[in-house]
Amino acid sequence: MDKKTPNKVKVVVTGGAGFIGSHLVDALLLKGCEVHVIDNLSGGSKENINPKAQFHDADIRNLETIKPIIKGALYVFHTAALPRVQYSIEHPVETNEVNVTGTLNVLIAAQEGGVKRVVYSASSSAYGDQSTLPLVETMIPNPKSPYGLHKYVGELYAKVWSTVHGLETVSLRYFNVYGPRLNPDGAYALAIGKFLKQRKEGKPLTIWGDGTQTRDFTHVRDVVRANLLAAESTKAGKGEVINIGAGRNISINELATRIGGPVTHIAPRIEPHDTLADNSLAKKLLGWKPEVTIEKGIAELKELHGLE
């Protein structure tokens, strides 16, 4: 991905109209890549897609449709998913088709299309509840939702495709990604997006449960950087699973205080009580460490939303 390469490197971003995918597209274009976006716009927005990218209105559930788009790419960044936990509980068949079969299709298309490496957007939801923190990649996954299970199965498929077919793969387990373009109503809403919207509308910030639950919030710029490093790292590519998290957690109550305004508590939902990433493997294999603190990230978002 050298800016000086005369022939542009072809890369594909599935889910490139989504929150994380669109930021990744922007970064790849800045590096001088020829970027192809595969998205059916079920969760993303066409407005998020950089006009310099080549957009393909396609569904990863259709293998024959995505094969010619992926063929000849050097890297594929697989960010497409139906990521809502509750939605996966209510619609297990549909979400399995997208998150599991769709991932399998991307791996098949990449292997047959001569792709060098697939970087898969995995999720810390694969951990579920663990007895100790921080969460480290050697722990046995314990997903608490179909979505968490789907993302874990995707990691296993990526590893198998490396072992069986020699396709280089890296799976990045994201921890609570936030930043600009975070859809307050969408799949990645998290507490941050929801709180910002509620404060802007003059409504109390709604907290599930008592608010003592903690999250390791990771800025999207750090996640994008991790993807770029994972594509080119010579120390990875054999199906490794790598945490991408800030390595610091804060409570939802503290988050609400930082955003400001009155709060209201509602019934708790099924979710892990705490998340905290051990990101030492990312430093070792990718040379990655987080750069955007939660204080800086929230301050930027408040300014962006006119809340300062």
Protein backbone atom coordinates (compact mmCIF):
# COMPACT_ATOMS: atom_id res chain seq x y z
CA MET A 1 0.00 0.00 0.00
CA ASP A 2 2.78 2.37 -0.94
CA LYS A 3 1.65 5.79 -2.17
CA LYS A 4 4.37 5.75 -4.81
CA THR A 5 3.28 2.50 -6.48
CA PRO A 6 2.47 3.37 -10.12
CA ASN A 7 -0.12 0.61 -10.49
CA LYS A 8 -2.71 1.05 -7.78
CA VAL A 9 -3.15 -1.82 -5.37
CA LYS A 10 -6.69 -3.22 -5.51
CA VAL A 11 -8.34 -3.72 -2.12
CA VAL A 12 -11.91 -4.66 -1.20
CA VAL A 13 -13.86 -3.51 1.85
CA THR A 14 -17.05 -5.43 2.58
CA GLY A 15 -19.46 -3.29 4.56
CA GLY A 16 -17.68 -0.19 3.28
CA ALA A 17 -20.82 1.94 3.70
CA GLY A 18 -20.91 1.20 7.41
CA PHE A 19 -19.39 2.97 10.39
CA ILE A 20 -16.03 1.20 10.59
CA GLY A 21 -15.85 0.19 6.92
CA SER A 22 -16.30 3.73 5.60
CA HIS A 23 -13.47 5.07 7.77
CA LEU A 24 -11.28 2.24 6.51
CA VAL A 25 -12.16 3.10 2.90
CA ASP A 26 -11.08 6.71 3.47
CA ALA A 27 -7.73 5.59 4.92
CA LEU A 28 -7.06 3.17 2.05
CA LEU A 29 -7.80 5.86 -0.53
CA LEU A 30 -5.34 8.19 1.21
CA LYS A 31 -2.74 5.44 0.77
CA GLY A 32 -3.38 5.47 -2.98
CA CYS A 33 -5.28 2.18 -3.21
CA GLU A 34 -7.95 1.29 -5.75
CA VAL A 35 -10.79 0.65 -3.30
CA HIS A 36 -13.86 -1.45 -4.05
CA VAL A 37 -16.80 -1.37 -1.62
CA ILE A 38 -19.23 -4.28 -1.31
CA ASP A 39 -22.36 -3.28 0.60
CA ASN A 40 -26.10 -3.90 0.28
CA LEU A 41 -26.83 -0.77 2.38
CA SER A 42 -28.87 -2.77 4.91
CA GLY A 43 -26.95 -1.20 7.78
CA GLY A 44 -24.69 1.35 6.12
CA SER A 45 -25.42 4.55 4.23
CA LYS A 46 -24.43 5.51 0.70
CA GLU A 47 -23.53 8.94 2.06
CA ASN A 48 -20.72 7.33 4.05
CA ILE A 49 -19.02 5.98 0.91
CA ASN A 50 -16.12 8.05 -0.35
CA PRO A 51 -16.91 9.00 -3.99
CA LYS A 52 -13.36 7.99 -4.99
CA ALA A 53 -14.16 4.37 -4.12
CA GLN A 54 -15.89 1.98 -6.53
CA PHE A 55 -19.22 1.00 -4.99
CA HIS A 56 -20.83 -2.38 -5.67
CA ASP A 57 -24.39 -2.75 -4.42
CA ALA A 58 -24.01 -6.44 -3.58
CA ASP A 59 -24.82 -8.90 -0.82
CA ILE A 60 -22.13 -11.15 0.70
CA ARG A 61 -24.74 -13.91 0.93
CA ASN A 62 -24.49 -14.22 -2.86
CA LEU A 63 -21.15 -15.89 -3.58
CA GLU A 64 -21.33 -15.66 -7.38
CA THR A 65 -22.02 -11.91 -7.19
CA ILE A 66 -19.04 -11.09 -5.00
CA LYS A 67 -16.51 -13.40 -6.69
CA PRO A 68 -15.68 -11.10 -9.64
CA ILE A 69 -15.49 -8.04 -7.37
CA ILE A 70 -13.00 -9.68 -5.02
CA LYS A 71 -10.93 -11.37 -7.74
CA GLY A 72 -7.46 -9.89 -8.11
CA ALA A 73 -7.50 -7.87 -4.88
CA LEU A 74 -4.37 -7.88 -2.76
CA TYR A 75 -6.29 -7.46 0.49
CA VAL A 76 -9.90 -7.92 1.56
CA PHE A 77 -11.11 -6.18 4.71
CA HIS A 78 -14.25 -7.99 5.83
CA THR A 79 -16.25 -5.58 7.99
CA ALA A 80 -19.75 -6.46 6.71
CA ALA A 81 -22.09 -7.94 9.34
CA LEU A 82 -25.49 -7.71 10.97
CA PRO A 83 -24.10 -6.79 14.36
CA ARG A 84 -27.02 -6.13 16.69
CA VAL A 85 -27.04 -8.59 19.60
CA GLN A 86 -30.79 -8.30 20.21
CA TYR A 87 -31.53 -8.58 16.49
CA SER A 88 -29.47 -11.78 16.33
CA ILE A 89 -31.57 -13.23 19.15
CA GLU A 90 -34.82 -12.36 17.37
CA HIS A 91 -33.61 -13.22 13.83
CA PRO A 92 -31.10 -16.08 14.22
CA VAL A 93 -31.46 -17.46 10.67
CA GLU A 94 -31.02 -14.16 8.84
CA THR A 95 -28.09 -13.04 11.00
CA ASN A 96 -26.41 -16.44 10.66
CA GLU A 97 -26.69 -16.21 6.86
CA VAL A 98 -24.99 -12.81 6.82
CA ASN A 99 -22.44 -13.28 9.61
CA VAL A 100 -21.47 -16.92 9.07
CA THR A 101 -22.37 -17.88 5.49
CA GLY A 102 -21.44 -14.39 4.29
CA THR A 103 -18.00 -14.69 5.91
CA LEU A 104 -17.52 -18.14 4.38
CA ASN A 105 -18.42 -16.69 0.97
CA VAL A 106 -15.86 -13.89 1.37
CA LEU A 107 -13.17 -16.45 2.25
CA ILE A 108 -14.06 -18.66 -0.72
CA ALA A 109 -14.09 -15.69 -3.11
CA ALA A 110 -10.75 -14.47 -1.71
CA GLN A 111 -9.11 -17.89 -1.98
CA GLU A 112 -10.37 -18.51 -5.52
CA GLY A 113 -9.65 -14.91 -6.56
CA GLY A 114 -5.96 -14.97 -5.64
CA VAL A 115 -6.23 -12.58 -2.69
CA LYS A 116 -3.13 -12.40 -0.48
CA ARG A 117 -4.79 -11.70 2.87
CA VAL A 118 -8.21 -11.27 4.47
CA VAL A 119 -8.51 -9.09 7.58
CA TYR A 120 -11.68 -10.11 9.41
CA SER A 121 -13.58 -7.81 11.76
CA ALA A 122 -14.18 -10.04 14.75
CA SER A 123 -15.74 -9.00 18.04
CA SER A 124 -14.97 -9.04 21.76
CA SER A 125 -18.54 -10.35 22.17
CA ALA A 126 -17.02 -13.79 21.50
CA TYR A 127 -15.63 -13.69 25.06
CA GLY A 128 -19.00 -13.34 26.78
CA ASP A 129 -18.55 -13.31 30.55
CA GLN A 130 -15.14 -14.41 31.80
CA SER A 131 -14.09 -14.89 35.41
CA THR A 132 -11.05 -12.63 35.13
CA LEU A 133 -9.99 -9.43 33.39
CA PRO A 134 -8.35 -8.29 31.21
CA LEU A 135 -9.65 -10.45 28.37
CA VAL A 136 -6.83 -12.26 26.61
CA GLU A 137 -6.94 -14.19 23.34
CA THR A 138 -6.05 -17.52 24.99
CA MET A 139 -9.33 -17.55 26.95
CA ILE A 140 -12.01 -20.03 25.86
CA PRO A 141 -14.77 -18.03 24.12
CA ASN A 142 -18.14 -17.97 25.88
CA PRO A 143 -20.52 -15.99 23.64
CA LYS A 144 -23.83 -14.93 25.18
CA SER A 145 -25.70 -14.23 21.96
CA PRO A 146 -26.04 -15.62 18.43
CA TYR A 147 -24.08 -12.58 17.22
CA GLY A 148 -21.14 -13.34 19.51
CA LEU A 149 -21.25 -16.96 18.34
CA HIS A 150 -21.38 -15.91 14.67
CA LYS A 151 -18.31 -13.72 15.01
CA TYR A 152 -16.43 -16.52 16.78
CA VAL A 153 -17.35 -19.01 14.04
CA GLY A 154 -16.03 -16.47 11.51
CA GLU A 155 -12.66 -16.50 13.28
CA LEU A 156 -12.59 -20.30 13.12
CA TYR A 157 -13.44 -20.27 9.41
CA ALA A 158 -10.67 -17.73 8.77
CA LYS A 159 -8.17 -19.90 10.64
CA VAL A 160 -9.26 -23.04 8.73
CA TRP A 161 -8.94 -21.25 5.38
CA SER A 162 -5.37 -20.32 6.32
CA THR A 163 -4.58 -23.88 7.34
CA VAL A 164 -6.33 -25.72 4.51
CA HIS A 165 -6.02 -23.31 1.60
CA GLY A 166 -3.03 -21.16 2.51
CA LEU A 167 -5.09 -17.97 2.42
CA GLU A 168 -3.53 -15.47 4.83
CA THR A 169 -6.05 -14.32 7.44
CA VAL A 170 -6.03 -12.17 10.56
CA SER A 171 -9.02 -11.74 12.89
CA LEU A 172 -9.28 -8.52 14.89
CA ARG A 173 -11.49 -8.65 17.98
CA TYR A 174 -12.83 -5.12 18.36
CA PHE A 175 -13.82 -3.67 21.72
CA ASN A 176 -16.71 -1.17 21.67
CA VAL A 177 -15.73 0.93 18.68
CA TYR A 178 -16.89 4.57 18.65
CA GLY A 179 -16.21 7.78 16.74
CA PRO A 180 -17.65 10.01 13.98
CA ARG A 181 -20.40 8.44 11.82
CA LEU A 182 -21.51 6.29 14.72
CA ASN A 183 -25.21 5.75 14.03
CA PRO A 184 -27.12 6.51 17.25
CA ASP A 185 -30.00 4.31 16.09
CA GLY A 186 -28.02 1.60 14.37
CA ALA A 187 -26.13 -1.55 15.06
CA TYR A 188 -23.08 0.08 16.60
CA ALA A 189 -25.06 2.60 18.62
CA LEU A 190 -23.45 1.66 21.94
CA ALA A 191 -24.02 3.93 24.87
CA ILE A 192 -21.92 6.76 23.40
CA GLY A 193 -24.02 7.27 20.26
CA LYS A 194 -27.25 6.94 22.18
CA PHE A 195 -26.16 9.35 24.93
CA LEU A 196 -25.01 12.00 22.43
CA LYS A 197 -28.33 11.86 20.61
CA GLN A 198 -30.33 12.01 23.83
CA ARG A 199 -28.37 14.97 25.15
CA LYS A 200 -28.76 16.83 21.87
CA GLU A 201 -32.52 16.23 22.01
CA GLY A 202 -32.67 17.41 25.63
CA LYS A 203 -33.70 13.97 26.90
CA PRO A 204 -32.26 12.14 29.91
CA LEU A 205 -29.48 9.67 29.16
CA THR A 206 -30.92 6.14 29.35
CA ILE A 207 -28.77 3.63 31.23
CA TRP A 208 -29.49 -0.11 31.15
CA GLY A 209 -29.29 -1.46 34.70
CA ASP A 210 -27.34 0.32 37.45
CA GLY A 211 -24.62 1.69 35.16
CA THR A 212 -21.76 0.01 37.01
CA GLN A 213 -21.03 -2.16 33.97
CA THR A 214 -17.78 -1.19 32.26
CA ARG A 215 -16.68 -1.05 28.64
CA ASP A 216 -13.34 -0.73 26.88
CA PHE A 217 -14.16 1.97 24.33
CA THR A 218 -11.87 2.00 21.30
CA HIS A 219 -11.75 4.86 18.80
CA VAL A 220 -12.44 4.08 15.16
CA ARG A 221 -9.19 5.76 14.07
CA ASP A 222 -7.28 3.26 16.18
CA VAL A 223 -9.32 0.40 14.70
CA VAL A 224 -8.59 1.56 11.15
CA ARG A 225 -4.88 1.75 11.92
CA ALA A 226 -5.01 -1.79 13.29
CA ASN A 227 -6.57 -3.02 10.03
CA LEU A 228 -3.86 -1.39 7.91
CA LEU A 229 -1.13 -2.88 10.10
CA ALA A 230 -2.81 -6.31 10.10
CA ALA A 231 -2.88 -6.34 6.29
CA GLU A 232 0.87 -5.91 5.99
CA SER A 233 2.34 -7.41 9.17
CA THR A 234 4.90 -10.12 8.47
CA LYS A 235 4.27 -11.54 11.97
CA ALA A 236 0.60 -12.36 11.26
CA GLY A 237 -1.47 -14.01 8.55
CA LYS A 238 -2.02 -17.55 9.80
CA GLY A 239 -5.45 -17.07 11.31
CA GLU A 240 -4.34 -15.24 14.45
CA VAL A 241 -6.99 -13.68 16.68
CA ILE A 242 -5.90 -10.30 18.04
CA ASN A 243 -7.63 -7.98 20.52
CA ILE A 244 -8.04 -4.41 19.36
CA GLY A 245 -9.00 -2.49 22.47
CA ALA A 246 -7.83 0.56 24.36
CA GLY A 247 -6.81 -1.54 27.36
CA ARG A 248 -8.77 0.71 29.68
CA ASN A 249 -12.42 0.57 30.70
CA ILE A 250 -14.85 3.06 32.22
CA SER A 251 -18.31 2.56 33.71
CA ILE A 252 -21.43 3.57 31.84
CA ASN A 253 -22.20 5.94 34.73
CA GLU A 254 -18.83 7.66 34.22
CA LEU A 255 -19.48 7.84 30.49
CA ALA A 256 -22.84 9.53 31.13
CA THR A 257 -21.14 12.05 33.42
CA ARG A 258 -18.58 12.88 30.72
CA ILE A 259 -21.30 13.49 28.15
CA GLY A 260 -23.42 15.42 30.64
CA GLY A 261 -27.08 15.81 31.45
CA PRO A 262 -29.66 14.03 33.62
CA VAL A 263 -29.84 10.22 33.53
CA THR A 264 -32.56 7.62 33.88
CA HIS A 265 -32.12 3.91 34.59
CA ILE A 266 -34.12 1.14 32.91
CA ALA A 267 -34.16 -2.65 33.27
CA PRO A 268 -30.83 -4.39 32.56
CA ARG A 269 -30.36 -6.44 29.39
CA ILE A 270 -28.41 -9.59 28.61
CA GLU A 271 -24.81 -8.49 28.13
CA PRO A 272 -21.39 -9.07 29.67
CA HIS A 273 -20.98 -6.86 32.76
CA ASP A 274 -17.40 -5.83 32.03
CA THR A 275 -14.98 -5.71 29.13
CA LEU A 276 -11.29 -4.87 29.20
CA ALA A 277 -8.80 -5.80 26.51
CA ASP A 278 -5.33 -7.16 26.97
CA ASN A 279 -3.79 -5.59 23.86
CA SER A 280 -0.24 -6.88 24.28
CA LEU A 281 -0.57 -9.32 21.36
CA ALA A 282 -1.53 -6.45 19.03
CA LYS A 283 1.63 -4.62 20.08
CA LYS A 284 3.71 -7.76 19.53
CA LEU A 285 2.32 -8.90 16.16
CA LEU A 286 1.15 -5.63 14.61
CA GLY A 287 3.18 -2.95 16.34
CA TRP A 288 -0.17 -1.40 17.31
CA LYS A 289 -1.17 0.50 20.38
CA PRO A 290 -4.14 2.82 20.96
CA GLU A 291 -3.58 6.53 20.49
CA VAL A 292 -6.98 8.16 21.08
CA THR A 293 -7.97 8.40 24.75
CA ILE A 294 -11.64 8.24 25.75
CA GLU A 295 -11.37 11.82 27.03
CA LYS A 296 -10.12 13.08 23.66
CA GLY A 297 -12.58 10.94 21.69
CA ILE A 298 -15.64 12.11 23.63
CA ALA A 299 -14.51 15.75 23.54
CA GLU A 300 -14.22 15.52 19.73
CA LEU A 301 -17.68 13.97 19.43
CA LYS A 302 -19.28 16.58 21.71
CA GLU A 303 -17.74 19.33 19.59
CA LEU A 304 -18.91 17.59 16.41
CA HIS A 305 -22.46 17.43 17.78
CA GLY A 306 -22.40 21.04 19.02
CA LEU A 307 -22.54 20.02 22.66
CA GLU A 308 -19.55 21.95 24.00
